[in-house]
PDB file of N, CA and C in Angstrom:
ATOM      1  N   MET A   1      57.389  90.441 154.766  1.00  0.00           N
ATOM      2  CA  MET A   1      56.199  91.669 153.970  1.00  0.00           C
ATOM      3  C   MET A   1      55.929  92.851 154.847  1.00  0.00           C
ATOM      4  N   ILE A   2      55.663  91.945 156.144  1.00  0.00           N
ATOM      5  CA  ILE A   2      54.811  93.192 156.892  1.00  0.00           C
ATOM      6  C   ILE A   2      56.230  94.396 156.872  1.00  0.00           C
ATOM      7  N   LYS A   3      57.538  93.798 157.081  1.00  0.00           N
ATOM      8  CA  LYS A   3      58.347  94.845 157.567  1.00  0.00           C
ATOM      9  C   LYS A   3      58.757  95.503 156.320  1.00  0.00           C
ATOM     10  N   ASN A   4      58.540  94.939 154.826  1.00  0.00           N
ATOM     11  CA  ASN A   4      58.978  95.645 154.472  1.00  0.00           C
ATOM     12  C   ASN A   4      57.713  97.135 153.828  1.00  0.00           C
ATOM     13  N   SER A   5      56.059  96.743 154.392  1.00  0.00           N
ATOM     14  CA  SER A   5      55.467  97.748 153.959  1.00  0.00           C
ATOM     15  C   SER A   5      56.224  99.108 154.792  1.00  0.00           C
ATOM     16  N   VAL A   6      55.916  98.574 156.247  1.00  0.00           N
ATOM     17  CA  VAL A   6      56.237  99.340 157.321  1.00  0.00           C
ATOM     18  C   VAL A   6      57.509 100.512 157.543  1.00  0.00           C
ATOM     19  N   LYS A   7      58.804  99.591 156.557  1.00  0.00           N
ATOM     20  CA  LYS A   7      60.063 100.286 156.203  1.00  0.00           C
ATOM     21  C   LYS A   7      59.549 101.347 155.405  1.00  0.00           C
ATOM     22  N   LYS A   8      58.871 100.885 154.403  1.00  0.00           N
ATOM     23  CA  LYS A   8      58.548 102.215 153.297  1.00  0.00           C
ATOM     24  C   LYS A   8      58.005 103.262 153.665  1.00  0.00           C
ATOM     25  N   PHE A   9      56.388 102.620 154.592  1.00  0.00           N
ATOM     26  CA  PHE A   9      55.840 103.612 155.397  1.00  0.00           C
ATOM     27  C   PHE A   9      56.538 104.805 156.227  1.00  0.00           C
ATOM     28  N   ARG A  10      57.333 104.098 157.006  1.00  0.00           N
ATOM     29  CA  ARG A  10      58.336 105.048 157.802  1.00  0.00           C
ATOM     30  C   ARG A  10      59.468 106.243 157.201  1.00  0.00           C
ATOM     31  N   LEU A  11      60.038 105.466 155.583  1.00  0.00           N
ATOM     32  CA  LEU A  11      60.432 106.099 155.156  1.00  0.00           C
ATOM     33  C   LEU A  11      60.072 107.054 154.453  1.00  0.00           C
ATOM     34  N   ILE A  12      59.039 106.756 153.629  1.00  0.00           N
ATOM     35  CA  ILE A  12      57.906 108.387 153.002  1.00  0.00           C
ATOM     36  C   ILE A  12      57.502 109.128 154.078  1.00  0.00           C
ATOM     37  N   GLY A  13      57.197 108.896 155.637  1.00  0.00           N
ATOM     38  CA  GLY A  13      57.027 109.512 156.598  1.00  0.00           C
ATOM     39  C   GLY A  13      57.883 110.390 156.839  1.00  0.00           C
ATOM     40  N   LEU A  14      59.161 110.343 157.165  1.00  0.00           N
ATOM     41  CA  LEU A  14      60.284 111.103 157.516  1.00  0.00           C
ATOM     42  C   LEU A  14      60.606 111.867 156.181  1.00  0.00           C
ATOM     43  N   ILE A  15      60.240 111.687 155.048  1.00  0.00           N
ATOM     44  CA  ILE A  15      60.711 112.664 153.975  1.00  0.00           C
ATOM     45  C   ILE A  15      59.723 113.394 153.848  1.00  0.00           C
ATOM     46  N   GLU A  16      57.971 112.949 154.237  1.00  0.00           N
ATOM     47  CA  GLU A  16      57.350 113.734 153.553  1.00  0.00           C
ATOM     48  C   GLU A  16      57.309 115.242 154.594  1.00  0.00           C
ATOM     49  N   GLY A  17      57.781 114.504 155.754  1.00  0.00           N
ATOM     50  CA  GLY A  17      57.783 115.445 157.232  1.00  0.00           C
ATOM     51  C   GLY A  17      59.072 116.491 156.455  1.00  0.00           C
ATOM     52  N   TYR A  18      59.738 115.944 156.228  1.00  0.00           N
ATOM     53  CA  TYR A  18      60.878 117.379 155.488  1.00  0.00           C
ATOM     54  C   TYR A  18      60.087 118.069 154.684  1.00  0.00           C
ATOM     55  N   SER A  19      59.608 117.635 153.938  1.00  0.00           N
ATOM     56  CA  SER A  19      59.047 118.556 152.619  1.00  0.00           C
ATOM     57  C   SER A  19      58.264 119.079 153.094  1.00  0.00           C
ATOM     58  N   TYR A  20      57.215 118.840 154.310  1.00  0.00           N
ATOM     59  CA  TYR A  20      56.206 120.067 154.931  1.00  0.00           C
ATOM     60  C   TYR A  20      56.807 120.896 155.756  1.00  0.00           C
ATOM     61  N   LEU A  21      58.332 120.155 156.117  1.00  0.00           N
ATOM     62  CA  LEU A  21      59.064 121.882 156.974  1.00  0.00           C
ATOM     63  C   LEU A  21      59.667 122.543 155.991  1.00  0.00           C
ATOM     64  N   ILE A  22      59.916 122.178 154.873  1.00  0.00           N
ATOM     65  CA  ILE A  22      60.564 122.885 153.552  1.00  0.00           C
ATOM     66  C   ILE A  22      59.414 123.390 152.835  1.00  0.00           C
ATOM     67  N   LEU A  23      58.318 123.227 153.015  1.00  0.00           N
ATOM     68  CA  LEU A  23      57.182 124.245 152.400  1.00  0.00           C
ATOM     69  C   LEU A  23      57.041 125.575 153.259  1.00  0.00           C
ATOM     70  N   LEU A  24      56.714 124.972 154.798  1.00  0.00           N
ATOM     71  CA  LEU A  24      56.167 125.684 155.683  1.00  0.00           C
ATOM     72  C   LEU A  24      57.522 127.033 155.743  1.00  0.00           C
ATOM     73  N   PHE A  25      58.595 126.148 156.269  1.00  0.00           N
ATOM     74  CA  PHE A  25      59.725 127.538 156.750  1.00  0.00           C
ATOM     75  C   PHE A  25      60.898 127.832 155.326  1.00  0.00           C
ATOM     76  N   ILE A  26      60.346 127.451 154.532  1.00  0.00           N
ATOM     77  CA  ILE A  26      61.264 128.124 153.393  1.00  0.00           C
ATOM     78  C   ILE A  26      60.712 128.658 151.999  1.00  0.00           C
ATOM     79  N   ALA A  27      60.019 127.372 151.763  1.00  0.00           N
ATOM     80  CA  ALA A  27      59.143 128.169 150.827  1.00  0.00           C
ATOM     81  C   ALA A  27      58.226 129.226 150.783  1.00  0.00           C
ATOM     82  N   MET A  28      57.160 129.302 151.921  1.00  0.00           N
ATOM     83  CA  MET A  28      56.424 130.079 152.286  1.00  0.00           C
ATOM     84  C   MET A  28      56.357 131.491 152.734  1.00  0.00           C
ATOM     85  N   PRO A  29      57.650 131.275 153.293  1.00  0.00           N
ATOM     86  CA  PRO A  29      58.518 133.017 153.642  1.00  0.00           C
ATOM     87  C   PRO A  29      59.285 133.551 152.150  1.00  0.00           C
ATOM     88  N   LEU A  30      59.668 132.676 151.729  1.00  0.00           N
ATOM     89  CA  LEU A  30      60.380 132.748 150.123  1.00  0.00           C
ATOM     90  C   LEU A  30      59.009 133.448 149.711  1.00  0.00           C
ATOM     91  N   LYS A  31      57.976 133.015 149.247  1.00  0.00           N
ATOM     92  CA  LYS A  31      56.862 133.516 148.680  1.00  0.00           C
ATOM     93  C   LYS A  31      56.457 134.858 148.879  1.00  0.00           C
ATOM     94  N   TYR A  32      55.962 134.992 150.599  1.00  0.00           N
ATOM     95  CA  TYR A  32      55.562 135.981 151.196  1.00  0.00           C
ATOM     96  C   TYR A  32      55.804 137.424 151.296  1.00  0.00           C
ATOM     97  N   LEU A  33      57.568 137.029 151.820  1.00  0.00           N
ATOM     98  CA  LEU A  33      58.734 137.952 152.075  1.00  0.00           C
ATOM     99  C   LEU A  33      59.466 138.537 151.234  1.00  0.00           C
ATOM    100  N   ALA A  34      60.117 137.413 150.417  1.00  0.00           N
ATOM    101  CA  ALA A  34      60.815 137.703 149.042  1.00  0.00           C
ATOM    102  C   ALA A  34      60.343 138.001 147.744  1.00  0.00           C
ATOM    103  N   GLY A  35      58.893 137.892 147.801  1.00  0.00           N
ATOM    104  CA  GLY A  35      57.759 137.570 146.308  1.00  0.00           C
ATOM    105  C   GLY A  35      58.581 136.511 145.144  1.00  0.00           C
ATOM    106  N   TYR A  36      58.996 135.490 145.963  1.00  0.00           N
ATOM    107  CA  TYR A  36      58.860 134.337 144.844  1.00  0.00           C
ATOM    108  C   TYR A  36      57.946 133.144 145.382  1.00  0.00           C
ATOM    109  N   PRO A  37      57.187 133.612 144.324  1.00  0.00           N
ATOM    110  CA  PRO A  37      56.119 132.142 144.742  1.00  0.00           C
ATOM    111  C   PRO A  37      56.293 130.850 143.673  1.00  0.00           C
ATOM    112  N   ILE A  38      57.215 130.810 143.001  1.00  0.00           N
ATOM    113  CA  ILE A  38      57.904 129.475 142.097  1.00  0.00           C
ATOM    114  C   ILE A  38      58.049 128.648 143.435  1.00  0.00           C
ATOM    115  N   TYR A  39      58.796 129.038 144.453  1.00  0.00           N
ATOM    116  CA  TYR A  39      59.223 127.888 145.136  1.00  0.00           C
ATOM    117  C   TYR A  39      57.660 127.330 145.875  1.00  0.00           C
ATOM    118  N   VAL A  40      56.328 127.728 146.325  1.00  0.00           N
ATOM    119  CA  VAL A  40      55.722 127.144 147.276  1.00  0.00           C
ATOM    120  C   VAL A  40      54.982 126.676 145.774  1.00  0.00           C
ATOM    121  N   LYS A  41      55.119 126.483 144.461  1.00  0.00           N
ATOM    122  CA  LYS A  41      54.490 125.794 143.624  1.00  0.00           C
ATOM    123  C   LYS A  41      55.173 124.749 143.515  1.00  0.00           C
ATOM    124  N   ILE A  42      56.905 124.710 143.619  1.00  0.00           N
ATOM    125  CA  ILE A  42      57.408 123.169 143.421  1.00  0.00           C
ATOM    126  C   ILE A  42      57.513 122.823 144.759  1.00  0.00           C
ATOM    127  N   ALA A  43      57.873 123.171 146.007  1.00  0.00           N
ATOM    128  CA  ALA A  43      57.792 122.469 146.981  1.00  0.00           C
ATOM    129  C   ALA A  43      56.082 122.070 147.265  1.00  0.00           C
ATOM    130  N   GLY A  44      55.080 122.938 147.004  1.00  0.00           N
ATOM    131  CA  GLY A  44      53.835 122.224 147.050  1.00  0.00           C
ATOM    132  C   GLY A  44      53.771 121.060 146.231  1.00  0.00           C
ATOM    133  N   MET A  45      53.995 121.191 145.014  1.00  0.00           N
ATOM    134  CA  MET A  45      53.555 120.107 144.246  1.00  0.00           C
ATOM    135  C   MET A  45      54.411 118.593 144.670  1.00  0.00           C
ATOM    136  N   THR A  46      55.667 118.785 145.409  1.00  0.00           N
ATOM    137  CA  THR A  46      56.271 117.818 145.521  1.00  0.00           C
ATOM    138  C   THR A  46      56.416 117.442 147.018  1.00  0.00           C
ATOM    139  N   HIS A  47      55.631 117.984 148.160  1.00  0.00           N
ATOM    140  CA  HIS A  47      54.798 117.623 149.404  1.00  0.00           C
ATOM    141  C   HIS A  47      53.366 116.942 148.674  1.00  0.00           C
ATOM    142  N   GLY A  48      52.582 117.466 148.176  1.00  0.00           N
ATOM    143  CA  GLY A  48      51.715 116.969 147.500  1.00  0.00           C
ATOM    144  C   GLY A  48      51.701 115.506 147.428  1.00  0.00           C
ATOM    145  N   ILE A  49      52.730 115.074 146.198  1.00  0.00           N
ATOM    146  CA  ILE A  49      52.740 113.541 145.808  1.00  0.00           C
ATOM    147  C   ILE A  49      53.228 112.813 146.830  1.00  0.00           C
ATOM    148  N   LEU A  50      54.028 113.321 147.844  1.00  0.00           N
ATOM    149  CA  LEU A  50      54.424 112.706 148.718  1.00  0.00           C
ATOM    150  C   LEU A  50      53.498 112.264 149.951  1.00  0.00           C
ATOM    151  N   PHE A  51      52.856 113.217 150.123  1.00  0.00           N
ATOM    152  CA  PHE A  51      51.429 112.923 151.185  1.00  0.00           C
ATOM    153  C   PHE A  51      50.777 112.215 150.476  1.00  0.00           C
ATOM    154  N   VAL A  52      50.412 111.870 149.213  1.00  0.00           N
ATOM    155  CA  VAL A  52      49.679 110.991 148.842  1.00  0.00           C
ATOM    156  C   VAL A  52      49.820 109.658 148.991  1.00  0.00           C
ATOM    157  N   LEU A  53      51.224 109.731 148.428  1.00  0.00           N
ATOM    158  CA  LEU A  53      52.225 108.516 148.328  1.00  0.00           C
ATOM    159  C   LEU A  53      52.046 108.044 150.297  1.00  0.00           C
ATOM    160  N   PHE A  54      52.197 109.140 151.222  1.00  0.00           N
ATOM    161  CA  PHE A  54      51.974 108.367 152.481  1.00  0.00           C
ATOM    162  C   PHE A  54      50.517 108.041 152.850  1.00  0.00           C
ATOM    163  N   CYS A  55      49.732 108.431 152.398  1.00  0.00           N
ATOM    164  CA  CYS A  55      48.322 107.590 152.639  1.00  0.00           C
ATOM    165  C   CYS A  55      48.180 106.663 152.057  1.00  0.00           C
ATOM    166  N   LEU A  56      48.912 106.442 150.679  1.00  0.00           N
ATOM    167  CA  LEU A  56      48.817 104.937 150.140  1.00  0.00           C
ATOM    168  C   LEU A  56      49.528 103.853 150.824  1.00  0.00           C
ATOM    169  N   LEU A  57      50.808 104.237 151.218  1.00  0.00           N
ATOM    170  CA  LEU A  57      51.607 103.415 152.311  1.00  0.00           C
ATOM    171  C   LEU A  57      50.732 103.348 153.585  1.00  0.00           C
ATOM    172  N   LEU A  58      50.330 104.125 153.855  1.00  0.00           N
ATOM    173  CA  LEU A  58      49.463 104.153 155.442  1.00  0.00           C
ATOM    174  C   LEU A  58      48.521 102.861 155.323  1.00  0.00           C
ATOM    175  N   PHE A  59      47.906 103.086 154.113  1.00  0.00           N
ATOM    176  CA  PHE A  59      46.427 101.408 154.375  1.00  0.00           C
ATOM    177  C   PHE A  59      47.315 100.155 154.188  1.00  0.00           C
ATOM    178  N   LYS A  60      48.206 100.551 153.137  1.00  0.00           N
ATOM    179  CA  LYS A  60      48.896  98.951 152.789  1.00  0.00           C
ATOM    180  C   LYS A  60      49.906  98.462 154.420  1.00  0.00           C
ATOM    181  N   ALA A  61      50.726  99.375 155.059  1.00  0.00           N
ATOM    182  CA  ALA A  61      51.111  98.774 156.320  1.00  0.00           C
ATOM    183  C   ALA A  61      50.013  98.916 157.357  1.00  0.00           C
ATOM    184  N   LEU A  62      48.673  99.421 157.442  1.00  0.00           N
ATOM    185  CA  LEU A  62      47.612  99.318 158.072  1.00  0.00           C
ATOM    186  C   LEU A  62      47.543  97.825 158.151  1.00  0.00           C
ATOM    187  N   SER A  63      46.685  97.323 156.923  1.00  0.00           N
ATOM    188  CA  SER A  63      46.523  96.421 156.526  1.00  0.00           C
ATOM    189  C   SER A  63      47.150  94.889 156.449  1.00  0.00           C
ATOM    190  N   ASP A  64      48.797  94.850 156.063  1.00  0.00           N
ATOM    191  CA  ASP A  64      49.900  94.317 156.301  1.00  0.00           C
ATOM    192  C   ASP A  64      50.532  93.970 157.901  1.00  0.00           C
ATOM    193  N   ALA A  65      50.560  95.145 158.669  1.00  0.00           N
ATOM    194  CA  ALA A  65      50.933  95.125 160.204  1.00  0.00           C
ATOM    195  C   ALA A  65      49.910  94.972 161.144  1.00  0.00           C
ATOM    196  N   LYS A  66      48.841  94.945 160.451  1.00  0.00           N
ATOM    197  CA  LYS A  66      47.248  94.392 161.557  1.00  0.00           C
ATOM    198  C   LYS A  66      47.662  95.697 162.572  1.00  0.00           C
ATOM    199  N   TRP A  67      47.863  97.351 162.594  1.00  0.00           N
ATOM    200  CA  TRP A  67      47.384  98.205 162.954  1.00  0.00           C
ATOM    201  C   TRP A  67      46.213  98.691 163.254  1.00  0.00           C
ATOM    202  N   SER A  68      45.737  99.116 164.732  1.00  0.00           N
ATOM    203  CA  SER A  68      44.478  99.490 164.727  1.00  0.00           C
ATOM    204  C   SER A  68      44.216 100.902 164.092  1.00  0.00           C
ATOM    205  N   HIS A  69      42.907 100.995 164.059  1.00  0.00           N
ATOM    206  CA  HIS A  69      42.538 102.020 163.459  1.00  0.00           C
ATOM    207  C   HIS A  69      42.457 103.541 164.342  1.00  0.00           C
ATOM    208  N   LYS A  70      42.727 103.017 165.370  1.00  0.00           N
ATOM    209  CA  LYS A  70      43.466 104.266 166.035  1.00  0.00           C
ATOM    210  C   LYS A  70      45.012 104.678 166.100  1.00  0.00           C
ATOM    211  N   GLU A  71      45.459 103.898 165.803  1.00  0.00           N
ATOM    212  CA  GLU A  71      47.082 103.833 165.811  1.00  0.00           C
ATOM    213  C   GLU A  71      47.159 104.815 164.273  1.00  0.00           C
ATOM    214  N   SER A  72      46.313 104.184 163.706  1.00  0.00           N
ATOM    215  CA  SER A  72      46.676 104.712 162.200  1.00  0.00           C
ATOM    216  C   SER A  72      45.948 106.262 162.141  1.00  0.00           C
ATOM    217  N   ALA A  73      44.814 106.004 162.722  1.00  0.00           N
ATOM    218  CA  ALA A  73      44.627 107.947 162.946  1.00  0.00           C
ATOM    219  C   ALA A  73      45.138 109.203 163.220  1.00  0.00           C
ATOM    220  N   ILE A  74      46.278 108.409 164.571  1.00  0.00           N
ATOM    221  CA  ILE A  74      47.201 109.194 165.080  1.00  0.00           C
ATOM    222  C   ILE A  74      48.371 109.338 164.090  1.00  0.00           C
ATOM    223  N   PHE A  75      48.980 108.266 163.015  1.00  0.00           N
ATOM    224  CA  PHE A  75      49.676 108.498 162.224  1.00  0.00           C
ATOM    225  C   PHE A  75      49.191 109.476 161.715  1.00  0.00           C
ATOM    226  N   PHE A  76      48.145 109.441 160.668  1.00  0.00           N
ATOM    227  CA  PHE A  76      47.895 110.213 159.885  1.00  0.00           C
ATOM    228  C   PHE A  76      47.543 111.411 160.403  1.00  0.00           C
ATOM    229  N   LEU A  77      46.830 111.653 161.776  1.00  0.00           N
ATOM    230  CA  LEU A  77      46.774 113.215 162.113  1.00  0.00           C
ATOM    231  C   LEU A  77      48.376 113.944 162.649  1.00  0.00           C
ATOM    232  N   ALA A  78      49.015 112.781 162.972  1.00  0.00           N
ATOM    233  CA  ALA A  78      50.503 113.683 163.012  1.00  0.00           C
ATOM    234  C   ALA A  78      50.874 114.183 161.990  1.00  0.00           C
ATOM    235  N   SER A  79      50.791 113.474 160.601  1.00  0.00           N
ATOM    236  CA  SER A  79      51.357 114.204 159.472  1.00  0.00           C
ATOM    237  C   SER A  79      50.751 115.254 158.963  1.00  0.00           C
ATOM    238  N   LEU A  80      49.555 115.726 159.609  1.00  0.00           N
ATOM    239  CA  LEU A  80      49.162 117.153 159.205  1.00  0.00           C
ATOM    240  C   LEU A  80      49.377 118.685 160.196  1.00  0.00           C
ATOM    241  N   VAL A  81      50.154 117.814 160.958  1.00  0.00           N
ATOM    242  CA  VAL A  81      51.221 119.052 162.023  1.00  0.00           C
ATOM    243  C   VAL A  81      52.419 119.164 161.799  1.00  0.00           C
ATOM    244  N   PRO A  82      53.291 120.087 161.717  1.00  0.00           N
ATOM    245  CA  PRO A  82      54.630 120.379 161.359  1.00  0.00           C
ATOM    246  C   PRO A  82      55.061 119.685 162.739  1.00  0.00           C
ATOM    247  N   PHE A  83      56.366 118.534 162.059  1.00  0.00           N
ATOM    248  CA  PHE A  83      57.117 117.699 162.987  1.00  0.00           C
ATOM    249  C   PHE A  83      56.258 116.936 163.395  1.00  0.00           C
ATOM    250  N   GLY A  84      55.016 116.243 163.421  1.00  0.00           N
ATOM    251  CA  GLY A  84      54.671 115.119 163.863  1.00  0.00           C
ATOM    252  C   GLY A  84      55.100 113.858 163.336  1.00  0.00           C
ATOM    253  N   THR A  85      55.391 113.813 162.027  1.00  0.00           N
ATOM    254  CA  THR A  85      55.819 112.622 161.400  1.00  0.00           C
ATOM    255  C   THR A  85      57.286 112.059 162.667  1.00  0.00           C
ATOM    256  N   PHE A  86      58.010 113.147 163.039  1.00  0.00           N
ATOM    257  CA  PHE A  86      59.227 112.897 163.822  1.00  0.00           C
ATOM    258  C   PHE A  86      58.685 112.453 165.179  1.00  0.00           C
ATOM    259  N   PHE A  87      57.189 112.606 165.477  1.00  0.00           N
ATOM    260  CA  PHE A  87      57.064 112.353 166.665  1.00  0.00           C
ATOM    261  C   PHE A  87      56.741 110.869 166.910  1.00  0.00           C
ATOM    262  N   THR A  88      55.914 110.319 165.684  1.00  0.00           N
ATOM    263  CA  THR A  88      55.454 109.410 165.527  1.00  0.00           C
ATOM    264  C   THR A  88      56.606 108.065 165.016  1.00  0.00           C
ATOM    265  N   ASP A  89      57.464 109.008 164.722  1.00  0.00           N
ATOM    266  CA  ASP A  89      58.457 107.676 164.001  1.00  0.00           C
ATOM    267  C   ASP A  89      58.626 106.849 165.006  1.00  0.00           C
ATOM    268  N   LYS A  90      59.199 106.645 166.147  1.00  0.00           N
ATOM    269  CA  LYS A  90      59.811 106.073 167.188  1.00  0.00           C
ATOM    270  C   LYS A  90      58.672 104.807 167.452  1.00  0.00           C
ATOM    271  N   LYS A  91      57.650 105.176 167.228  1.00  0.00           N
ATOM    272  CA  LYS A  91      56.546 104.095 167.121  1.00  0.00           C
ATOM    273  C   LYS A  91      56.118 103.031 165.805  1.00  0.00           C
ATOM    274  N   VAL A  92      56.521 104.146 164.835  1.00  0.00           N
ATOM    275  CA  VAL A  92      56.382 103.201 163.663  1.00  0.00           C
ATOM    276  C   VAL A  92      58.007 102.020 163.866  1.00  0.00           C
ATOM    277  N   LYS A  93      58.483 102.684 164.189  1.00  0.00           N
ATOM    278  CA  LYS A  93      59.792 102.095 163.809  1.00  0.00           C
ATOM    279  C   LYS A  93      59.940 100.761 165.089  1.00  0.00           C
ATOM    280  N   ALA A  94      59.078 100.826 166.130  1.00  0.00           N
ATOM    281  CA  ALA A  94      58.827  99.442 167.085  1.00  0.00           C
ATOM    282  C   ALA A  94      58.180  98.229 165.720  1.00  0.00           C
ATOM    283  N   TYR A  95      57.269  98.530 164.760  1.00  0.00           N
ATOM    284  CA  TYR A  95      56.928  97.691 164.469  1.00  0.00           C
ATOM    285  C   TYR A  95      57.585  97.188 162.957  1.00  0.00           C
ATOM    286  N   GLU A  96      58.745  97.785 162.785  1.00  0.00           N
ATOM    287  CA  GLU A  96      59.933  97.013 161.784  1.00  0.00           C
ATOM    288  C   GLU A  96      60.040  95.736 162.529  1.00  0.00           C
TER     289      GLU A  96
END
């Protein structure tokens, strides 16, 4: 049970991290430099859904794996920074 929720959290963390990079480094330049705002709408909605799922799975893994609130806060704050989820991935993988 613990492994399963941590694995799901880790997977969604990586996917959410990639979606954030796509939004910031592909969709945003296409909007502001090339005039294609539709890409931000698509990438933004996708990233938003993945971020909500990330937060839900963070709370699930927090309760199942008995993470400290400090660790959970670090995982959450890292998701707000570009490339942040990739830096915390090794720590999350240790809980699998």
